[in-house]
Every structure is written in structure tokens, then in C-alpha cells.
Amino acid sequence: MTKWNQASADWYCPSSTVDLRTGGRFQNRMEAKNGSFGFDFEGEYLEVLPLQKIVYRMDDDRKVWIDFIEEGDNTRLKIDFEAEDMNPVELQKEGWQAILNSFKNYTENN
């Protein structure tokens, strides 16, 4: 995750721990490359069904649902999330999509 978990080139993920099982926890450290800001993105996995679904709750009590949907030889991800109140929902959607795009680019080029 440290190789691709960022929404833009001016951010990075210096550390990540993942215990991907129901009841397991995750923690991702996110930092601006210029050192101006950083935060921990943490939570607990509520449901993990391999190749089907991941549900987790962030430490601020917002939930995220990820569904893996088979479409022929491809898999589509459907992600629903409870938005936070500080930023417009559309901006948050763009951030989630940017991280997915970063993951796609990483997997296709490595």
C-alpha cells in the first residue's frame, strides 16, 4: 500500500499495517511530501469475504463498503462510503477514485 496509497503526486503513504480479517485493524499514515501535513487513517474490518466484500469502520465511526463484482474476465469495485462533513462529497469521491487510479497504475506497471 505504501507504493500506491495516495490521491495525488504531492502525497505519500510512508507506513501501512493491515490485518485483513473480520475484527482485524488497519492503519495508514498519509503525509504531504513537503512535510506540511499528515494524518493516520485507521479503522477496523467488520466483514471480510474474500473476492466478494470488505466492510470497515474508520476510527471516526464512518463506514465503507467495498464490493468485488465479477464481469467476465474483469472485476469491478463498487465502493460506498459515509462522507465526512469537512469537504464536499464530490471532492471526497474524486479522492477515492484518485487512490483507485493510483492502485491501477501501480499494478499495471509493476
N, C-alpha and C. Protein backbone atom coordinates (compact mmCIF):
# COMPACT_ATOMS: atom_id res chain seq x y z
N MET A 1 0.82 -1.20 0.00
CA MET A 1 0.00 0.00 0.00
C MET A 1 0.86 1.26 0.00
N THR A 2 2.03 1.18 0.57
CA THR A 2 2.89 2.37 0.60
C THR A 2 3.32 2.80 -0.79
N LYS A 3 3.22 1.92 -1.77
CA LYS A 3 3.63 2.23 -3.14
C LYS A 3 2.55 2.95 -3.94
N TRP A 4 1.29 2.85 -3.53
CA TRP A 4 0.21 3.42 -4.35
C TRP A 4 -0.87 4.17 -3.58
N ASN A 5 -0.89 4.14 -2.27
CA ASN A 5 -1.99 4.70 -1.49
C ASN A 5 -1.85 6.22 -1.31
N GLN A 6 -2.13 6.94 -2.38
CA GLN A 6 -2.17 8.40 -2.33
C GLN A 6 -3.10 8.91 -3.41
N ALA A 7 -3.74 10.04 -3.12
CA ALA A 7 -4.70 10.61 -4.06
C ALA A 7 -4.06 11.55 -5.06
N SER A 8 -2.82 11.99 -4.78
CA SER A 8 -2.13 12.87 -5.73
C SER A 8 -0.62 12.72 -5.53
N ALA A 9 0.12 13.19 -6.51
CA ALA A 9 1.59 13.01 -6.51
C ALA A 9 2.28 13.78 -5.38
N ASP A 10 1.61 14.74 -4.76
CA ASP A 10 2.25 15.51 -3.70
C ASP A 10 2.00 14.91 -2.31
N TRP A 11 1.39 13.73 -2.25
CA TRP A 11 1.17 12.99 -1.02
C TRP A 11 1.82 11.62 -1.12
N TYR A 12 2.07 11.00 0.04
CA TYR A 12 2.57 9.63 0.04
C TYR A 12 2.13 8.93 1.32
N CYS A 13 2.32 7.62 1.33
CA CYS A 13 1.91 6.76 2.45
C CYS A 13 3.19 6.11 2.99
N PRO A 14 3.84 6.73 4.00
CA PRO A 14 5.12 6.20 4.48
C PRO A 14 5.02 4.90 5.26
N SER A 15 3.82 4.59 5.81
CA SER A 15 3.69 3.33 6.54
C SER A 15 2.26 2.82 6.45
N SER A 16 2.13 1.50 6.51
CA SER A 16 0.82 0.87 6.42
C SER A 16 0.87 -0.48 7.14
N THR A 17 -0.12 -0.73 7.97
CA THR A 17 -0.29 -2.06 8.56
C THR A 17 -1.73 -2.50 8.29
N VAL A 18 -1.87 -3.76 7.89
CA VAL A 18 -3.18 -4.29 7.52
C VAL A 18 -3.31 -5.70 8.08
N ASP A 19 -4.37 -5.93 8.84
CA ASP A 19 -4.73 -7.26 9.32
C ASP A 19 -6.10 -7.56 8.70
N LEU A 20 -6.09 -7.99 7.43
CA LEU A 20 -7.29 -8.11 6.62
C LEU A 20 -8.09 -9.37 6.99
N ARG A 21 -8.84 -9.23 8.05
CA ARG A 21 -9.75 -10.28 8.52
C ARG A 21 -10.83 -9.59 9.34
N THR A 22 -11.99 -10.23 9.45
CA THR A 22 -13.05 -9.67 10.29
C THR A 22 -12.51 -9.49 11.70
N GLY A 23 -12.62 -8.27 12.22
CA GLY A 23 -12.08 -7.94 13.54
C GLY A 23 -10.66 -7.41 13.50
N GLY A 24 -10.00 -7.54 12.35
CA GLY A 24 -8.64 -7.01 12.20
C GLY A 24 -8.66 -5.50 12.04
N ARG A 25 -7.48 -4.90 12.17
CA ARG A 25 -7.36 -3.44 12.07
C ARG A 25 -6.41 -3.05 10.95
N PHE A 26 -6.52 -1.79 10.54
CA PHE A 26 -5.59 -1.22 9.57
C PHE A 26 -5.17 0.16 10.06
N GLN A 27 -3.98 0.57 9.62
CA GLN A 27 -3.50 1.92 9.88
C GLN A 27 -2.61 2.33 8.72
N ASN A 28 -2.95 3.44 8.11
CA ASN A 28 -2.16 4.00 7.03
C ASN A 28 -1.78 5.42 7.40
N ARG A 29 -0.51 5.71 7.34
CA ARG A 29 -0.02 7.07 7.60
C ARG A 29 0.03 7.80 6.27
N MET A 30 -0.62 8.94 6.19
CA MET A 30 -0.64 9.75 4.98
C MET A 30 0.08 11.07 5.29
N GLU A 31 0.97 11.48 4.39
CA GLU A 31 1.71 12.73 4.61
C GLU A 31 1.90 13.48 3.30
N ALA A 32 1.87 14.80 3.43
CA ALA A 32 2.23 15.64 2.29
C ALA A 32 3.74 15.52 2.10
N LYS A 33 4.18 15.43 0.85
CA LYS A 33 5.62 15.28 0.58
C LYS A 33 6.43 16.47 1.06
N ASN A 34 5.81 17.65 1.14
CA ASN A 34 6.54 18.83 1.60
C ASN A 34 6.58 18.94 3.13
N GLY A 35 6.00 17.94 3.83
CA GLY A 35 6.05 17.91 5.28
C GLY A 35 5.06 18.82 5.98
N SER A 36 4.15 19.45 5.24
CA SER A 36 3.25 20.44 5.83
C SER A 36 2.08 19.83 6.60
N PHE A 37 1.75 18.56 6.32
CA PHE A 37 0.58 17.97 6.97
C PHE A 37 0.66 16.46 6.89
N GLY A 38 0.07 15.79 7.87
CA GLY A 38 -0.01 14.33 7.86
C GLY A 38 -1.11 13.87 8.78
N PHE A 39 -1.59 12.66 8.56
CA PHE A 39 -2.63 12.10 9.42
C PHE A 39 -2.60 10.58 9.32
N ASP A 40 -3.19 9.95 10.32
CA ASP A 40 -3.34 8.50 10.33
C ASP A 40 -4.77 8.16 9.91
N PHE A 41 -4.89 7.20 9.01
CA PHE A 41 -6.17 6.70 8.52
C PHE A 41 -6.31 5.30 9.10
N GLU A 42 -7.18 5.15 10.11
CA GLU A 42 -7.24 3.90 10.87
C GLU A 42 -8.67 3.39 10.99
N GLY A 43 -8.78 2.07 11.21
CA GLY A 43 -10.10 1.51 11.42
C GLY A 43 -10.06 0.01 11.64
N GLU A 44 -11.25 -0.57 11.65
CA GLU A 44 -11.44 -2.00 11.91
C GLU A 44 -12.26 -2.62 10.80
N TYR A 45 -11.86 -3.81 10.37
CA TYR A 45 -12.61 -4.57 9.37
C TYR A 45 -13.80 -5.24 10.06
N LEU A 46 -15.00 -4.95 9.58
CA LEU A 46 -16.22 -5.51 10.16
C LEU A 46 -16.63 -6.80 9.45
N GLU A 47 -16.31 -6.88 8.16
CA GLU A 47 -16.66 -8.07 7.37
C GLU A 47 -15.64 -8.21 6.25
N VAL A 48 -15.10 -9.40 6.12
CA VAL A 48 -14.16 -9.70 5.03
C VAL A 48 -14.59 -11.02 4.41
N LEU A 49 -15.08 -10.95 3.19
CA LEU A 49 -15.44 -12.13 2.41
C LEU A 49 -14.54 -12.13 1.18
N PRO A 50 -13.50 -12.97 1.15
CA PRO A 50 -12.53 -12.96 0.05
C PRO A 50 -13.20 -12.99 -1.33
N LEU A 51 -12.72 -12.09 -2.18
CA LEU A 51 -13.18 -11.94 -3.56
C LEU A 51 -14.64 -11.50 -3.68
N GLN A 52 -15.25 -11.08 -2.56
CA GLN A 52 -16.64 -10.65 -2.59
C GLN A 52 -16.88 -9.29 -1.97
N LYS A 53 -16.44 -9.12 -0.71
CA LYS A 53 -16.82 -7.91 0.00
C LYS A 53 -15.85 -7.63 1.14
N ILE A 54 -15.64 -6.32 1.38
CA ILE A 54 -14.93 -5.84 2.56
C ILE A 54 -15.75 -4.68 3.13
N VAL A 55 -16.02 -4.75 4.41
CA VAL A 55 -16.71 -3.66 5.11
C VAL A 55 -15.82 -3.25 6.26
N TYR A 56 -15.59 -1.95 6.39
CA TYR A 56 -14.81 -1.49 7.54
C TYR A 56 -15.37 -0.21 8.11
N ARG A 57 -14.98 0.04 9.36
CA ARG A 57 -15.36 1.26 10.06
C ARG A 57 -14.10 2.01 10.40
N MET A 58 -14.06 3.26 10.00
CA MET A 58 -12.93 4.11 10.35
C MET A 58 -13.06 4.53 11.81
N ASP A 59 -11.98 4.95 12.41
CA ASP A 59 -12.00 5.31 13.82
C ASP A 59 -12.90 6.49 14.14
N ASP A 60 -13.34 7.25 13.12
CA ASP A 60 -14.30 8.32 13.36
C ASP A 60 -15.75 7.83 13.20
N ASP A 61 -15.93 6.50 13.13
CA ASP A 61 -17.22 5.82 13.05
C ASP A 61 -17.88 5.83 11.67
N ARG A 62 -17.24 6.39 10.66
CA ARG A 62 -17.79 6.29 9.30
C ARG A 62 -17.51 4.90 8.75
N LYS A 63 -18.44 4.38 7.95
CA LYS A 63 -18.29 3.05 7.37
C LYS A 63 -18.01 3.13 5.87
N VAL A 64 -17.35 2.06 5.39
CA VAL A 64 -17.05 1.90 3.97
C VAL A 64 -17.42 0.48 3.58
N TRP A 65 -18.08 0.35 2.42
CA TRP A 65 -18.47 -0.94 1.87
C TRP A 65 -17.79 -1.10 0.51
N ILE A 66 -17.05 -2.17 0.33
CA ILE A 66 -16.39 -2.45 -0.94
C ILE A 66 -16.92 -3.79 -1.45
N ASP A 67 -17.50 -3.77 -2.65
CA ASP A 67 -17.99 -4.99 -3.29
C ASP A 67 -17.13 -5.28 -4.50
N PHE A 68 -16.75 -6.54 -4.67
CA PHE A 68 -16.00 -7.02 -5.83
C PHE A 68 -17.00 -7.71 -6.75
N ILE A 69 -17.20 -7.17 -7.94
CA ILE A 69 -18.24 -7.66 -8.84
C ILE A 69 -17.58 -8.24 -10.09
N GLU A 70 -17.77 -9.54 -10.30
CA GLU A 70 -17.21 -10.20 -11.49
C GLU A 70 -17.96 -9.75 -12.73
N GLU A 71 -17.20 -9.38 -13.74
CA GLU A 71 -17.75 -9.01 -15.04
C GLU A 71 -16.90 -9.68 -16.10
N GLY A 72 -17.21 -10.93 -16.41
CA GLY A 72 -16.40 -11.70 -17.36
C GLY A 72 -15.03 -11.96 -16.78
N ASP A 73 -13.99 -11.55 -17.48
CA ASP A 73 -12.60 -11.71 -17.02
C ASP A 73 -12.14 -10.56 -16.14
N ASN A 74 -13.02 -9.62 -15.88
CA ASN A 74 -12.66 -8.44 -15.10
C ASN A 74 -13.41 -8.42 -13.77
N THR A 75 -12.92 -7.61 -12.87
CA THR A 75 -13.58 -7.38 -11.59
C THR A 75 -13.78 -5.88 -11.42
N ARG A 76 -15.01 -5.51 -11.15
CA ARG A 76 -15.33 -4.10 -10.90
C ARG A 76 -15.45 -3.92 -9.40
N LEU A 77 -14.92 -2.81 -8.89
CA LEU A 77 -15.07 -2.46 -7.48
C LEU A 77 -16.20 -1.46 -7.34
N LYS A 78 -17.07 -1.70 -6.40
CA LYS A 78 -18.11 -0.73 -6.05
C LYS A 78 -17.83 -0.33 -4.61
N ILE A 79 -17.58 0.95 -4.42
CA ILE A 79 -17.25 1.45 -3.08
C ILE A 79 -18.30 2.48 -2.67
N ASP A 80 -18.90 2.23 -1.53
CA ASP A 80 -19.82 3.18 -0.91
C ASP A 80 -19.19 3.60 0.41
N PHE A 81 -19.28 4.88 0.71
CA PHE A 81 -18.69 5.37 1.95
C PHE A 81 -19.57 6.44 2.57
N GLU A 82 -19.49 6.53 3.88
CA GLU A 82 -20.15 7.61 4.59
C GLU A 82 -19.20 8.80 4.56
N ALA A 83 -19.67 9.89 3.99
CA ALA A 83 -18.84 11.07 3.81
C ALA A 83 -18.60 11.78 5.14
N GLU A 84 -17.46 12.47 5.20
CA GLU A 84 -17.20 13.33 6.36
C GLU A 84 -17.81 14.70 6.08
N ASP A 85 -17.85 15.56 7.08
CA ASP A 85 -18.55 16.85 6.96
C ASP A 85 -17.67 18.02 6.55
N MET A 86 -16.35 17.83 6.48
CA MET A 86 -15.46 18.97 6.25
C MET A 86 -15.28 19.31 4.76
N ASN A 87 -15.48 18.34 3.88
CA ASN A 87 -15.25 18.54 2.45
C ASN A 87 -16.48 18.13 1.65
N PRO A 88 -16.70 18.76 0.49
CA PRO A 88 -17.85 18.37 -0.33
C PRO A 88 -17.76 16.89 -0.74
N VAL A 89 -18.90 16.24 -0.82
CA VAL A 89 -18.96 14.82 -1.17
C VAL A 89 -18.28 14.57 -2.50
N GLU A 90 -18.49 15.45 -3.47
CA GLU A 90 -17.89 15.25 -4.80
C GLU A 90 -16.36 15.25 -4.72
N LEU A 91 -15.80 16.11 -3.90
CA LEU A 91 -14.34 16.13 -3.71
C LEU A 91 -13.87 14.82 -3.06
N GLN A 92 -14.64 14.31 -2.12
CA GLN A 92 -14.29 13.05 -1.48
C GLN A 92 -14.34 11.90 -2.49
N LYS A 93 -15.37 11.88 -3.34
CA LYS A 93 -15.46 10.85 -4.38
C LYS A 93 -14.23 10.91 -5.30
N GLU A 94 -13.84 12.11 -5.67
CA GLU A 94 -12.67 12.28 -6.53
C GLU A 94 -11.41 11.75 -5.86
N GLY A 95 -11.28 11.97 -4.55
CA GLY A 95 -10.13 11.46 -3.81
C GLY A 95 -10.09 9.94 -3.78
N TRP A 96 -11.23 9.31 -3.51
CA TRP A 96 -11.30 7.85 -3.52
C TRP A 96 -10.94 7.32 -4.91
N GLN A 97 -11.48 7.95 -5.95
CA GLN A 97 -11.20 7.49 -7.32
C GLN A 97 -9.73 7.68 -7.66
N ALA A 98 -9.13 8.76 -7.20
CA ALA A 98 -7.71 9.00 -7.47
C ALA A 98 -6.84 7.91 -6.83
N ILE A 99 -7.20 7.48 -5.64
CA ILE A 99 -6.45 6.40 -4.98
C ILE A 99 -6.60 5.10 -5.78
N LEU A 100 -7.83 4.81 -6.23
CA LEU A 100 -8.03 3.62 -7.06
C LEU A 100 -7.24 3.71 -8.36
N ASN A 101 -7.20 4.88 -8.96
CA ASN A 101 -6.41 5.06 -10.18
C ASN A 101 -4.93 4.83 -9.91
N SER A 102 -4.45 5.28 -8.78
CA SER A 102 -3.06 5.06 -8.40
C SER A 102 -2.78 3.57 -8.24
N PHE A 103 -3.71 2.84 -7.61
CA PHE A 103 -3.57 1.39 -7.46
C PHE A 103 -3.54 0.72 -8.83
N LYS A 104 -4.44 1.10 -9.71
CA LYS A 104 -4.49 0.54 -11.07
C LYS A 104 -3.17 0.78 -11.79
N ASN A 105 -2.69 2.00 -11.75
CA ASN A 105 -1.42 2.32 -12.42
C ASN A 105 -0.27 1.51 -11.83
N TYR A 106 -0.23 1.36 -10.52
CA TYR A 106 0.83 0.61 -9.88
C TYR A 106 0.80 -0.85 -10.32
N THR A 107 -0.39 -1.47 -10.28
CA THR A 107 -0.48 -2.89 -10.62
C THR A 107 -0.19 -3.15 -12.09
N GLU A 108 -0.53 -2.22 -12.95
CA GLU A 108 -0.29 -2.41 -14.37
C GLU A 108 1.16 -2.17 -14.76
N ASN A 109 1.92 -1.46 -13.94
CA ASN A 109 3.29 -1.09 -14.29
C ASN A 109 4.35 -1.78 -13.44
N ASN A 110 3.95 -2.67 -12.53
CA ASN A 110 4.92 -3.36 -11.66
C ASN A 110 4.69 -4.85 -11.64
